[in-house]
PDB file of all heavy atoms in Angstrom:
ATOM      1  N   CYS A   1     103.941 -68.901   7.410  1.00  0.00           N
ATOM      2  CA  CYS A   1     102.719 -68.314   7.554  1.00  0.00           C
ATOM      3  C   CYS A   1     101.687 -69.338   8.142  1.00  0.00           C
ATOM      4  O   CYS A   1     101.026 -68.999   9.149  1.00  0.00           O
ATOM      5  CB  CYS A   1     102.189 -67.655   6.327  1.00  0.00           C
ATOM      6  SG  CYS A   1     103.155 -66.159   5.743  1.00  0.00           S
ATOM      7  N   ARG A   2     101.487 -70.442   7.364  1.00  0.00           N
ATOM      8  CA  ARG A   2     100.577 -71.444   7.671  1.00  0.00           C
ATOM      9  C   ARG A   2     100.850 -72.013   9.175  1.00  0.00           C
ATOM     10  O   ARG A   2      99.950 -72.203  10.024  1.00  0.00           O
ATOM     11  CB  ARG A   2     100.682 -72.573   6.790  1.00  0.00           C
ATOM     12  CG  ARG A   2      99.997 -72.297   5.470  1.00  0.00           C
ATOM     13  CD  ARG A   2      99.983 -73.542   4.546  1.00  0.00           C
ATOM     14  NE  ARG A   2     100.195 -73.155   3.152  1.00  0.00           N
ATOM     15  CZ  ARG A   2     101.348 -73.388   2.447  1.00  0.00           C
ATOM     16  NH1 ARG A   2     102.219 -74.182   2.936  1.00  0.00           N
ATOM     17  NH2 ARG A   2     101.367 -72.991   1.208  1.00  0.00           N
ATOM     18  N   GLU A   3     102.194 -72.259   9.428  1.00  0.00           N
ATOM     19  CA  GLU A   3     102.483 -72.867  10.722  1.00  0.00           C
ATOM     20  C   GLU A   3     102.034 -71.928  11.905  1.00  0.00           C
ATOM     21  O   GLU A   3     101.459 -72.429  12.858  1.00  0.00           O
ATOM     22  CB  GLU A   3     104.031 -72.976  10.779  1.00  0.00           C
ATOM     23  CG  GLU A   3     104.526 -73.454  12.122  1.00  0.00           C
ATOM     24  CD  GLU A   3     104.347 -74.965  12.313  1.00  0.00           C
ATOM     25  OE1 GLU A   3     104.056 -75.752  11.329  1.00  0.00           O
ATOM     26  OE2 GLU A   3     104.637 -75.386  13.481  1.00  0.00           O
ATOM     27  N   HIS A   4     102.284 -70.616  11.752  1.00  0.00           N
ATOM     28  CA  HIS A   4     101.937 -69.704  12.832  1.00  0.00           C
ATOM     29  C   HIS A   4     100.395 -69.656  12.920  1.00  0.00           C
ATOM     30  O   HIS A   4      99.909 -69.583  13.931  1.00  0.00           O
ATOM     31  CB  HIS A   4     102.524 -68.295  12.539  1.00  0.00           C
ATOM     32  CG  HIS A   4     104.041 -68.277  12.725  1.00  0.00           C
ATOM     33  ND1 HIS A   4     104.679 -68.813  13.741  1.00  0.00           N
ATOM     34  CD2 HIS A   4     104.836 -67.725  11.895  1.00  0.00           C
ATOM     35  CE1 HIS A   4     105.928 -68.675  13.586  1.00  0.00           C
ATOM     36  NE2 HIS A   4     106.172 -67.898  12.463  1.00  0.00           N
ATOM     37  N   TYR A   5      99.759 -69.584  11.725  1.00  0.00           N
ATOM     38  CA  TYR A   5      98.330 -69.527  11.770  1.00  0.00           C
ATOM     39  C   TYR A   5      97.678 -70.630  12.415  1.00  0.00           C
ATOM     40  O   TYR A   5      96.741 -70.540  13.335  1.00  0.00           O
ATOM     41  CB  TYR A   5      97.778 -69.345  10.384  1.00  0.00           C
ATOM     42  CG  TYR A   5      96.235 -69.154  10.229  1.00  0.00           C
ATOM     43  CD1 TYR A   5      95.646 -67.923  10.576  1.00  0.00           C
ATOM     44  CD2 TYR A   5      95.466 -70.324  10.026  1.00  0.00           C
ATOM     45  CE1 TYR A   5      94.316 -67.846  10.586  1.00  0.00           C
ATOM     46  CE2 TYR A   5      94.090 -70.121  10.051  1.00  0.00           C
ATOM     47  CZ  TYR A   5      93.453 -68.877  10.310  1.00  0.00           C
ATOM     48  OH  TYR A   5      92.123 -68.705  10.272  1.00  0.00           O
ATOM     49  N   TYR A   6      98.066 -71.898  12.030  1.00  0.00           N
ATOM     50  CA  TYR A   6      97.409 -73.046  12.600  1.00  0.00           C
ATOM     51  C   TYR A   6      97.832 -73.417  14.091  1.00  0.00           C
ATOM     52  O   TYR A   6      97.253 -74.174  14.694  1.00  0.00           O
ATOM     53  CB  TYR A   6      97.628 -74.226  11.714  1.00  0.00           C
ATOM     54  CG  TYR A   6      96.858 -74.067  10.410  1.00  0.00           C
ATOM     55  CD1 TYR A   6      97.554 -74.008   9.143  1.00  0.00           C
ATOM     56  CD2 TYR A   6      95.478 -74.008  10.373  1.00  0.00           C
ATOM     57  CE1 TYR A   6      96.872 -73.870   8.005  1.00  0.00           C
ATOM     58  CE2 TYR A   6      94.783 -73.725   9.163  1.00  0.00           C
ATOM     59  CZ  TYR A   6      95.506 -73.706   8.014  1.00  0.00           C
ATOM     60  OH  TYR A   6      94.825 -73.471   6.846  1.00  0.00           O
ATOM     61  N   ARG A   7      98.863 -72.637  14.670  1.00  0.00           N
ATOM     62  CA  ARG A   7      99.183 -72.777  15.923  1.00  0.00           C
ATOM     63  C   ARG A   7      98.703 -71.598  16.790  1.00  0.00           C
ATOM     64  O   ARG A   7      99.144 -71.360  17.839  1.00  0.00           O
ATOM     65  CB  ARG A   7     100.712 -72.995  16.087  1.00  0.00           C
ATOM     66  CG  ARG A   7     101.189 -74.310  15.474  1.00  0.00           C
ATOM     67  CD  ARG A   7     102.686 -74.475  15.892  1.00  0.00           C
ATOM     68  NE  ARG A   7     103.095 -75.757  15.308  1.00  0.00           N
ATOM     69  CZ  ARG A   7     103.166 -76.902  15.953  1.00  0.00           C
ATOM     70  NH1 ARG A   7     102.726 -76.930  17.144  1.00  0.00           N
ATOM     71  NH2 ARG A   7     103.624 -77.917  15.407  1.00  0.00           N
ATOM     72  N   TYR A   8      97.831 -70.807  16.175  1.00  0.00           N
ATOM     73  CA  TYR A   8      97.222 -69.666  16.778  1.00  0.00           C
ATOM     74  C   TYR A   8      98.211 -68.604  17.291  1.00  0.00           C
ATOM     75  O   TYR A   8      97.942 -67.912  18.176  1.00  0.00           O
ATOM     76  CB  TYR A   8      96.365 -70.116  17.998  1.00  0.00           C
ATOM     77  CG  TYR A   8      95.415 -71.221  17.667  1.00  0.00           C
ATOM     78  CD1 TYR A   8      95.623 -72.494  18.151  1.00  0.00           C
ATOM     79  CD2 TYR A   8      94.347 -71.000  16.907  1.00  0.00           C
ATOM     80  CE1 TYR A   8      94.745 -73.527  17.915  1.00  0.00           C
ATOM     81  CE2 TYR A   8      93.445 -72.010  16.458  1.00  0.00           C
ATOM     82  CZ  TYR A   8      93.657 -73.246  17.107  1.00  0.00           C
ATOM     83  OH  TYR A   8      92.775 -74.254  16.691  1.00  0.00           O
ATOM     84  N   ARG A   9      99.273 -68.510  16.502  1.00  0.00           N
ATOM     85  CA  ARG A   9     100.309 -67.443  16.805  1.00  0.00           C
ATOM     86  C   ARG A   9     100.025 -66.214  15.854  1.00  0.00           C
ATOM     87  O   ARG A   9     100.780 -66.105  14.837  1.00  0.00           O
ATOM     88  CB  ARG A   9     101.797 -67.931  16.668  1.00  0.00           C
ATOM     89  CG  ARG A   9     101.994 -69.068  17.678  1.00  0.00           C
ATOM     90  CD  ARG A   9     103.396 -69.554  17.735  1.00  0.00           C
ATOM     91  NE  ARG A   9     103.815 -70.264  16.511  1.00  0.00           N
ATOM     92  CZ  ARG A   9     104.484 -71.389  16.489  1.00  0.00           C
ATOM     93  NH1 ARG A   9     104.835 -72.009  17.602  1.00  0.00           N
ATOM     94  NH2 ARG A   9     104.693 -71.943  15.381  1.00  0.00           N
ATOM     95  N   TRP A  10      98.994 -65.513  16.121  1.00  0.00           N
ATOM     96  CA  TRP A  10      98.554 -64.513  15.211  1.00  0.00           C
ATOM     97  C   TRP A  10      99.549 -63.488  14.802  1.00  0.00           C
ATOM     98  O   TRP A  10      99.690 -63.121  13.647  1.00  0.00           O
ATOM     99  CB  TRP A  10      97.187 -63.861  15.661  1.00  0.00           C
ATOM    100  CG  TRP A  10      96.243 -64.741  16.220  1.00  0.00           C
ATOM    101  CD1 TRP A  10      95.633 -64.717  17.515  1.00  0.00           C
ATOM    102  CD2 TRP A  10      95.612 -65.886  15.608  1.00  0.00           C
ATOM    103  NE1 TRP A  10      94.799 -65.862  17.668  1.00  0.00           N
ATOM    104  CE2 TRP A  10      94.717 -66.576  16.560  1.00  0.00           C
ATOM    105  CE3 TRP A  10      95.745 -66.523  14.392  1.00  0.00           C
ATOM    106  CZ2 TRP A  10      93.926 -67.681  16.199  1.00  0.00           C
ATOM    107  CZ3 TRP A  10      94.972 -67.635  14.027  1.00  0.00           C
ATOM    108  CH2 TRP A  10      94.085 -68.174  14.924  1.00  0.00           C
ATOM    109  N   SER A  11     100.205 -62.871  15.860  1.00  0.00           N
ATOM    110  CA  SER A  11     101.168 -61.833  15.624  1.00  0.00           C
ATOM    111  C   SER A  11     102.290 -62.279  14.770  1.00  0.00           C
ATOM    112  O   SER A  11     102.794 -61.627  13.815  1.00  0.00           O
ATOM    113  CB  SER A  11     101.626 -61.039  16.789  1.00  0.00           C
ATOM    114  OG  SER A  11     102.381 -62.074  17.608  1.00  0.00           O
ATOM    115  N   LEU A  12     102.807 -63.490  14.989  1.00  0.00           N
ATOM    116  CA  LEU A  12     103.920 -64.056  14.123  1.00  0.00           C
ATOM    117  C   LEU A  12     103.394 -64.359  12.702  1.00  0.00           C
ATOM    118  O   LEU A  12     104.104 -64.241  11.767  1.00  0.00           O
ATOM    119  CB  LEU A  12     104.403 -65.323  14.748  1.00  0.00           C
ATOM    120  CG  LEU A  12     105.273 -65.195  15.963  1.00  0.00           C
ATOM    121  CD1 LEU A  12     105.638 -66.486  16.618  1.00  0.00           C
ATOM    122  CD2 LEU A  12     106.586 -64.385  15.701  1.00  0.00           C
ATOM    123  N   CYS A  13     102.209 -64.776  12.564  1.00  0.00           N
ATOM    124  CA  CYS A  13     101.555 -64.938  11.202  1.00  0.00           C
ATOM    125  C   CYS A  13     101.489 -63.711  10.464  1.00  0.00           C
ATOM    126  O   CYS A  13     101.862 -63.583   9.305  1.00  0.00           O
ATOM    127  CB  CYS A  13     100.216 -65.632  11.374  1.00  0.00           C
ATOM    128  SG  CYS A  13      99.542 -65.939   9.703  1.00  0.00           S
ATOM    129  N   VAL A  14     101.108 -62.559  11.121  1.00  0.00           N
ATOM    130  CA  VAL A  14     101.012 -61.286  10.444  1.00  0.00           C
ATOM    131  C   VAL A  14     102.409 -60.866  10.000  1.00  0.00           C
ATOM    132  O   VAL A  14     102.650 -60.386   9.019  1.00  0.00           O
ATOM    133  CB  VAL A  14     100.344 -60.217  11.335  1.00  0.00           C
ATOM    134  CG1 VAL A  14     100.489 -58.827  10.792  1.00  0.00           C
ATOM    135  CG2 VAL A  14      98.892 -60.585  11.578  1.00  0.00           C
ATOM    136  N   GLN A  15     103.416 -61.049  10.905  1.00  0.00           N
ATOM    137  CA  GLN A  15     104.779 -60.751  10.558  1.00  0.00           C
ATOM    138  C   GLN A  15     105.326 -61.527   9.338  1.00  0.00           C
ATOM    139  O   GLN A  15     105.873 -60.923   8.432  1.00  0.00           O
ATOM    140  CB  GLN A  15     105.746 -60.965  11.701  1.00  0.00           C
ATOM    141  CG  GLN A  15     105.614 -59.992  12.866  1.00  0.00           C
ATOM    142  CD  GLN A  15     106.521 -60.430  14.038  1.00  0.00           C
ATOM    143  OE1 GLN A  15     107.444 -61.251  13.875  1.00  0.00           O
ATOM    144  NE2 GLN A  15     106.207 -59.938  15.191  1.00  0.00           N
ATOM    145  N   ALA A  16     105.006 -62.758   9.453  1.00  0.00           N
ATOM    146  CA  ALA A  16     105.489 -63.626   8.261  1.00  0.00           C
ATOM    147  C   ALA A  16     104.772 -63.275   7.039  1.00  0.00           C
ATOM    148  O   ALA A  16     105.405 -63.225   5.969  1.00  0.00           O
ATOM    149  CB  ALA A  16     105.273 -65.248   8.727  1.00  0.00           C
ATOM    150  N   ALA A  17     103.504 -62.991   7.106  1.00  0.00           N
ATOM    151  CA  ALA A  17     102.717 -62.659   5.923  1.00  0.00           C
ATOM    152  C   ALA A  17     103.198 -61.302   5.360  1.00  0.00           C
ATOM    153  O   ALA A  17     103.415 -61.131   4.128  1.00  0.00           O
ATOM    154  CB  ALA A  17     101.243 -62.561   6.189  1.00  0.00           C
ATOM    155  N   ASP A  18     103.546 -60.350   6.176  1.00  0.00           N
ATOM    156  CA  ASP A  18     104.109 -59.030   5.886  1.00  0.00           C
ATOM    157  C   ASP A  18     105.377 -59.248   4.982  1.00  0.00           C
ATOM    158  O   ASP A  18     105.594 -58.636   4.007  1.00  0.00           O
ATOM    159  CB  ASP A  18     104.276 -58.157   6.973  1.00  0.00           C
ATOM    160  CG  ASP A  18     102.932 -57.514   7.459  1.00  0.00           C
ATOM    161  OD1 ASP A  18     101.988 -57.546   6.820  1.00  0.00           O
ATOM    162  OD2 ASP A  18     103.017 -57.027   8.652  1.00  0.00           O
ATOM    163  N   LEU A  19     106.271 -60.103   5.652  1.00  0.00           N
ATOM    164  CA  LEU A  19     107.505 -60.292   4.833  1.00  0.00           C
ATOM    165  C   LEU A  19     107.354 -61.091   3.562  1.00  0.00           C
ATOM    166  O   LEU A  19     107.940 -60.645   2.555  1.00  0.00           O
ATOM    167  CB  LEU A  19     108.400 -61.220   5.783  1.00  0.00           C
ATOM    168  CG  LEU A  19     109.017 -60.622   7.009  1.00  0.00           C
ATOM    169  CD1 LEU A  19     109.650 -61.635   7.907  1.00  0.00           C
ATOM    170  CD2 LEU A  19     109.976 -59.603   6.685  1.00  0.00           C
ATOM    171  N   THR A  20     106.406 -62.025   3.551  1.00  0.00           N
ATOM    172  CA  THR A  20     106.100 -62.694   2.275  1.00  0.00           C
ATOM    173  C   THR A  20     105.625 -61.609   1.237  1.00  0.00           C
ATOM    174  O   THR A  20     105.987 -61.678   0.072  1.00  0.00           O
ATOM    175  CB  THR A  20     105.052 -63.854   2.439  1.00  0.00           C
ATOM    176  OG1 THR A  20     105.551 -64.657   3.534  1.00  0.00           O
ATOM    177  CG2 THR A  20     104.688 -64.486   1.192  1.00  0.00           C
ATOM    178  N   LEU A  21     104.637 -60.801   1.680  1.00  0.00           N
ATOM    179  CA  LEU A  21     103.973 -59.826   0.719  1.00  0.00           C
ATOM    180  C   LEU A  21     105.076 -58.775   0.374  1.00  0.00           C
ATOM    181  O   LEU A  21     104.929 -58.285  -0.792  1.00  0.00           O
ATOM    182  CB  LEU A  21     102.785 -59.243   1.409  1.00  0.00           C
ATOM    183  CG  LEU A  21     101.593 -60.210   1.490  1.00  0.00           C
ATOM    184  CD1 LEU A  21     100.572 -59.602   2.433  1.00  0.00           C
ATOM    185  CD2 LEU A  21     100.959 -60.564   0.206  1.00  0.00           C
ATOM    186  N   ARG A  22     106.026 -58.488   1.122  1.00  0.00           N
ATOM    187  CA  ARG A  22     107.040 -57.568   0.771  1.00  0.00           C
ATOM    188  C   ARG A  22     107.888 -58.140  -0.336  1.00  0.00           C
ATOM    189  O   ARG A  22     108.267 -57.462  -1.320  1.00  0.00           O
ATOM    190  CB  ARG A  22     107.841 -57.163   1.908  1.00  0.00           C
ATOM    191  CG  ARG A  22     107.884 -55.723   2.124  1.00  0.00           C
ATOM    192  CD  ARG A  22     108.688 -55.245   3.333  1.00  0.00           C
ATOM    193  NE  ARG A  22     107.956 -55.342   4.536  1.00  0.00           N
ATOM    194  CZ  ARG A  22     108.327 -55.864   5.676  1.00  0.00           C
ATOM    195  NH1 ARG A  22     109.536 -56.325   5.846  1.00  0.00           N
ATOM    196  NH2 ARG A  22     107.449 -55.952   6.748  1.00  0.00           N
ATOM    197  N   ARG A  23     108.209 -59.451  -0.243  1.00  0.00           N
ATOM    198  CA  ARG A  23     109.049 -60.105  -1.229  1.00  0.00           C
ATOM    199  C   ARG A  23     108.262 -60.446  -2.460  1.00  0.00           C
ATOM    200  O   ARG A  23     108.899 -60.370  -3.613  1.00  0.00           O
ATOM    201  CB  ARG A  23     109.708 -61.359  -0.565  1.00  0.00           C
ATOM    202  CG  ARG A  23     110.813 -61.142   0.302  1.00  0.00           C
ATOM    203  CD  ARG A  23     111.591 -62.484   0.698  1.00  0.00           C
ATOM    204  NE  ARG A  23     112.676 -62.180   1.507  1.00  0.00           N
ATOM    205  CZ  ARG A  23     112.675 -62.553   2.814  1.00  0.00           C
ATOM    206  NH1 ARG A  23     111.623 -63.072   3.307  1.00  0.00           N
ATOM    207  NH2 ARG A  23     113.655 -62.287   3.548  1.00  0.00           N
ATOM    208  N   TRP A  24     107.224 -60.919  -2.294  1.00  0.00           N
ATOM    209  CA  TRP A  24     106.264 -61.383  -3.423  1.00  0.00           C
ATOM    210  C   TRP A  24     104.882 -60.801  -3.366  1.00  0.00           C
ATOM    211  O   TRP A  24     103.954 -61.352  -2.958  1.00  0.00           O
ATOM    212  CB  TRP A  24     106.110 -62.929  -3.420  1.00  0.00           C
ATOM    213  CG  TRP A  24     107.481 -63.557  -3.383  1.00  0.00           C
ATOM    214  CD1 TRP A  24     108.314 -63.666  -4.546  1.00  0.00           C
ATOM    215  CD2 TRP A  24     108.202 -64.062  -2.316  1.00  0.00           C
ATOM    216  NE1 TRP A  24     109.501 -64.409  -4.145  1.00  0.00           N
ATOM    217  CE2 TRP A  24     109.390 -64.593  -2.698  1.00  0.00           C
ATOM    218  CE3 TRP A  24     107.963 -64.252  -0.907  1.00  0.00           C
ATOM    219  CZ2 TRP A  24     110.365 -65.244  -2.028  1.00  0.00           C
ATOM    220  CZ3 TRP A  24     108.894 -64.878  -0.102  1.00  0.00           C
ATOM    221  CH2 TRP A  24     110.045 -65.330  -0.675  1.00  0.00           C
ATOM    222  N   PRO A  25     104.800 -59.468  -3.732  1.00  0.00           N
ATOM    223  CA  PRO A  25     103.536 -58.741  -3.656  1.00  0.00           C
ATOM    224  C   PRO A  25     102.410 -59.550  -4.425  1.00  0.00           C
ATOM    225  O   PRO A  25     102.650 -60.140  -5.463  1.00  0.00           O
ATOM    226  CB  PRO A  25     103.791 -57.473  -4.385  1.00  0.00           C
ATOM    227  CG  PRO A  25     105.276 -57.246  -4.399  1.00  0.00           C
ATOM    228  CD  PRO A  25     105.825 -58.652  -4.357  1.00  0.00           C
ATOM    229  N   GLY A  26     101.288 -59.507  -3.861  1.00  0.00           N
ATOM    230  CA  GLY A  26     100.104 -60.139  -4.479  1.00  0.00           C
ATOM    231  C   GLY A  26      99.992 -61.599  -4.191  1.00  0.00           C
ATOM    232  O   GLY A  26      99.190 -62.282  -4.714  1.00  0.00           O
ATOM    233  N   THR A  27     100.773 -62.185  -3.192  1.00  0.00           N
ATOM    234  CA  THR A  27     100.631 -63.554  -2.815  1.00  0.00           C
ATOM    235  C   THR A  27      99.388 -63.678  -2.089  1.00  0.00           C
ATOM    236  O   THR A  27      99.224 -63.304  -0.918  1.00  0.00           O
ATOM    237  CB  THR A  27     101.898 -63.948  -2.024  1.00  0.00           C
ATOM    238  OG1 THR A  27     103.011 -63.708  -2.765  1.00  0.00           O
ATOM    239  CG2 THR A  27     101.780 -65.424  -1.751  1.00  0.00           C
ATOM    240  N   ALA A  28      98.333 -64.226  -2.694  1.00  0.00           N
ATOM    241  CA  ALA A  28      96.977 -64.347  -2.233  1.00  0.00           C
ATOM    242  C   ALA A  28      96.887 -65.130  -0.925  1.00  0.00           C
ATOM    243  O   ALA A  28      96.247 -64.728   0.088  1.00  0.00           O
ATOM    244  CB  ALA A  28      95.985 -64.978  -3.297  1.00  0.00           C
ATOM    245  N   GLU A  29      97.600 -66.139  -0.787  1.00  0.00           N
ATOM    246  CA  GLU A  29      97.523 -67.037   0.473  1.00  0.00           C
ATOM    247  C   GLU A  29      98.098 -66.217   1.627  1.00  0.00           C
ATOM    248  O   GLU A  29      97.443 -66.189   2.752  1.00  0.00           O
ATOM    249  CB  GLU A  29      98.263 -68.362   0.271  1.00  0.00           C
ATOM    250  CG  GLU A  29      98.073 -69.203   1.589  1.00  0.00           C
ATOM    251  CD  GLU A  29      98.751 -70.547   1.480  1.00  0.00           C
ATOM    252  OE1 GLU A  29      99.306 -70.836   0.471  1.00  0.00           O
ATOM    253  OE2 GLU A  29      98.633 -71.256   2.517  1.00  0.00           O
ATOM    254  N   ALA A  30      99.098 -65.496   1.451  1.00  0.00           N
ATOM    255  CA  ALA A  30      99.730 -64.741   2.554  1.00  0.00           C
ATOM    256  C   ALA A  30      98.823 -63.620   2.998  1.00  0.00           C
ATOM    257  O   ALA A  30      98.548 -63.366   4.186  1.00  0.00           O
ATOM    258  CB  ALA A  30     101.135 -64.158   2.160  1.00  0.00           C
ATOM    259  N   ALA A  31      98.151 -62.989   1.961  1.00  0.00           N
ATOM    260  CA  ALA A  31      97.235 -61.961   2.317  1.00  0.00           C
ATOM    261  C   ALA A  31      96.009 -62.422   3.046  1.00  0.00           C
ATOM    262  O   ALA A  31      95.524 -61.805   4.032  1.00  0.00           O
ATOM    263  CB  ALA A  31      96.746 -61.205   0.989  1.00  0.00           C
ATOM    264  N   ARG A  32      95.464 -63.607   2.649  1.00  0.00           N
ATOM    265  CA  ARG A  32      94.382 -64.218   3.329  1.00  0.00           C
ATOM    266  C   ARG A  32      94.668 -64.634   4.763  1.00  0.00           C
ATOM    267  O   ARG A  32      93.943 -64.263   5.711  1.00  0.00           O
ATOM    268  CB  ARG A  32      93.872 -65.525   2.662  1.00  0.00           C
ATOM    269  CG  ARG A  32      93.004 -65.210   1.476  1.00  0.00           C
ATOM    270  CD  ARG A  32      92.202 -66.458   0.900  1.00  0.00           C
ATOM    271  NE  ARG A  32      93.139 -67.549   0.699  1.00  0.00           N
ATOM    272  CZ  ARG A  32      93.765 -67.702  -0.487  1.00  0.00           C
ATOM    273  NH1 ARG A  32      93.668 -66.947  -1.419  1.00  0.00           N
ATOM    274  NH2 ARG A  32      94.658 -68.823  -0.656  1.00  0.00           N
ATOM    275  N   LEU A  33      95.836 -65.264   5.013  1.00  0.00           N
ATOM    276  CA  LEU A  33      96.274 -65.707   6.361  1.00  0.00           C
ATOM    277  C   LEU A  33      96.602 -64.407   7.201  1.00  0.00           C
ATOM    278  O   LEU A  33      96.217 -64.381   8.421  1.00  0.00           O
ATOM    279  CB  LEU A  33      97.523 -66.445   6.291  1.00  0.00           C
ATOM    280  CG  LEU A  33      97.301 -67.899   5.740  1.00  0.00           C
ATOM    281  CD1 LEU A  33      98.640 -68.591   5.440  1.00  0.00           C
ATOM    282  CD2 LEU A  33      96.426 -68.694   6.659  1.00  0.00           C
ATOM    283  N   ARG A  34      97.026 -63.305   6.604  1.00  0.00           N
ATOM    284  CA  ARG A  34      97.328 -62.082   7.358  1.00  0.00           C
ATOM    285  C   ARG A  34      95.913 -61.415   7.773  1.00  0.00           C
ATOM    286  O   ARG A  34      95.745 -61.148   8.986  1.00  0.00           O
ATOM    287  CB  ARG A  34      98.049 -61.122   6.414  1.00  0.00           C
ATOM    288  CG  ARG A  34      98.394 -59.832   7.216  1.00  0.00           C
ATOM    289  CD  ARG A  34      99.087 -58.875   6.116  1.00  0.00           C
ATOM    290  NE  ARG A  34      99.490 -57.668   6.859  1.00  0.00           N
ATOM    291  CZ  ARG A  34      98.729 -56.718   7.285  1.00  0.00           C
ATOM    292  NH1 ARG A  34      97.300 -56.798   7.085  1.00  0.00           N
ATOM    293  NH2 ARG A  34      99.134 -55.662   7.886  1.00  0.00           N
ATOM    294  N   ALA A  35      95.079 -61.475   6.915  1.00  0.00           N
ATOM    295  CA  ALA A  35      93.721 -60.835   7.238  1.00  0.00           C
ATOM    296  C   ALA A  35      93.002 -61.675   8.300  1.00  0.00           C
ATOM    297  O   ALA A  35      92.447 -61.113   9.177  1.00  0.00           O
ATOM    298  CB  ALA A  35      92.828 -60.672   5.963  1.00  0.00           C
TER     299      ALA A  35
END
């Protein structure tokens, strides 16, 4: 998630965050990076 975010790959960051949140609901960092 961080790698995509800091490389300005927004859609890949959203995808990665969605996967993270599906596996580990409530992961605050993934939710913030997604938003």
